[in-house]
Protein backbone atom coordinates (compact mmCIF):
# COMPACT_ATOMS: atom_id res chain seq x y z
CA UNK A 1 -100.66 84.00 31.72
CA UNK A 2 -103.78 83.24 29.70
CA UNK A 3 -106.34 80.88 31.22
CA UNK A 4 -106.57 77.46 29.60
CA UNK A 5 -110.03 76.72 28.18
CA UNK A 6 -112.14 74.47 30.37
CA UNK A 7 -113.76 71.43 28.71
CA UNK A 8 -117.20 73.00 29.12
CA UNK A 9 -116.17 76.28 27.48
CA UNK A 10 -117.20 74.83 24.12
CA UNK A 11 -120.82 74.46 25.20
CA UNK A 12 -121.43 78.03 26.35
CA UNK A 13 -124.21 79.75 24.42
CA UNK A 14 -123.17 83.07 22.92
CA UNK A 15 -119.89 81.74 21.56
CA UNK A 16 -119.45 81.71 17.78
CA UNK A 17 -119.53 78.23 16.28
CA UNK A 18 -119.02 76.78 12.82
CA UNK A 19 -120.69 73.76 11.24
CA UNK A 20 -118.36 70.95 10.17
CA UNK A 21 -118.82 67.86 8.01
CA UNK A 22 -116.57 64.82 7.54
CA UNK A 23 -116.08 62.33 4.70
CA UNK A 24 -118.87 60.15 6.12
CA UNK A 25 -121.22 63.16 5.81
CA UNK A 26 -121.60 63.42 9.57
CA UNK A 27 -122.08 66.91 11.01
CA UNK A 28 -120.74 68.62 14.09
CA UNK A 29 -120.43 72.11 15.48
CA UNK A 30 -117.08 73.47 16.58
CA UNK A 31 -115.86 76.74 18.09
CA UNK A 32 -115.22 79.13 15.19
CA UNK A 33 -111.93 80.31 16.66
CA UNK A 34 -110.48 76.80 16.68
CA UNK A 35 -109.09 75.01 13.63
CA UNK A 36 -111.26 72.15 12.46
CA UNK A 37 -110.00 68.71 13.48
CA UNK A 38 -108.30 66.61 10.82
CA UNK A 39 -110.85 65.06 8.48
CA UNK A 40 -113.47 67.75 9.05
CA UNK A 41 -114.31 70.74 6.83
CA UNK A 42 -116.46 73.79 7.40
CA UNK A 43 -119.85 73.73 5.71
CA UNK A 44 -122.82 75.98 6.31
CA UNK A 45 -122.91 78.94 8.65
CA UNK A 46 -120.70 80.23 11.39
CA UNK A 47 -122.66 81.96 14.11
CA UNK A 48 -124.65 81.36 17.24
CA UNK A 49 -124.88 77.83 18.57
CA UNK A 50 -128.65 77.73 17.91
CA UNK A 51 -128.17 78.84 14.28
CA UNK A 52 -125.54 76.15 13.68
CA UNK A 53 -127.65 73.45 15.32
CA UNK A 54 -130.64 74.48 13.20
CA UNK A 55 -128.50 74.06 10.08
CA UNK A 56 -127.42 70.59 11.21
CA UNK A 57 -131.03 69.61 11.97
CA UNK A 58 -132.18 70.80 8.53
CA UNK A 59 -129.35 69.14 6.58
CA UNK A 60 -128.38 65.93 8.40
CA UNK A 61 -131.45 63.95 7.46
CA UNK A 62 -129.94 60.45 7.48
CA UNK A 63 -127.77 59.66 10.49
CA UNK A 64 -126.19 56.61 8.86
CA UNK A 65 -122.57 57.13 7.76
CA UNK A 66 -122.12 57.55 3.99
CA UNK A 67 -120.18 54.28 3.71
CA UNK A 68 -123.09 52.36 5.27
CA UNK A 69 -125.66 54.06 3.01
CA UNK A 70 -123.52 53.27 -0.05
CA UNK A 71 -123.07 49.66 1.03
CA UNK A 72 -126.80 49.20 1.62
CA UNK A 73 -127.61 50.78 -1.74
CA UNK A 74 -125.11 48.47 -3.49
CA UNK A 75 -126.67 45.44 -1.80
CA UNK A 76 -130.13 46.46 -3.02
CA UNK A 77 -128.81 47.02 -6.54
CA UNK A 78 -127.09 43.62 -6.52
CA UNK A 79 -130.42 41.97 -5.69
CA UNK A 80 -131.96 43.73 -8.66
CA UNK A 81 -133.94 46.24 -6.60
């Protein structure tokens, strides 16, 4: 019988991860051997945890969800800005 993964197994350095993004342009890392959760797609590298986190740090420059950024931009445009 194969051991069930423990909740902390996904945080162990040395495991291969993948970088994911959702429709709100939010990033996450996920174990490469696991299918991405619904609503998430792979983007960027698959590799060491540190490599994936570096990609997220370099690419996720605005933490606001896309819908909020779009709404704020529309409000500015409506005011004539």
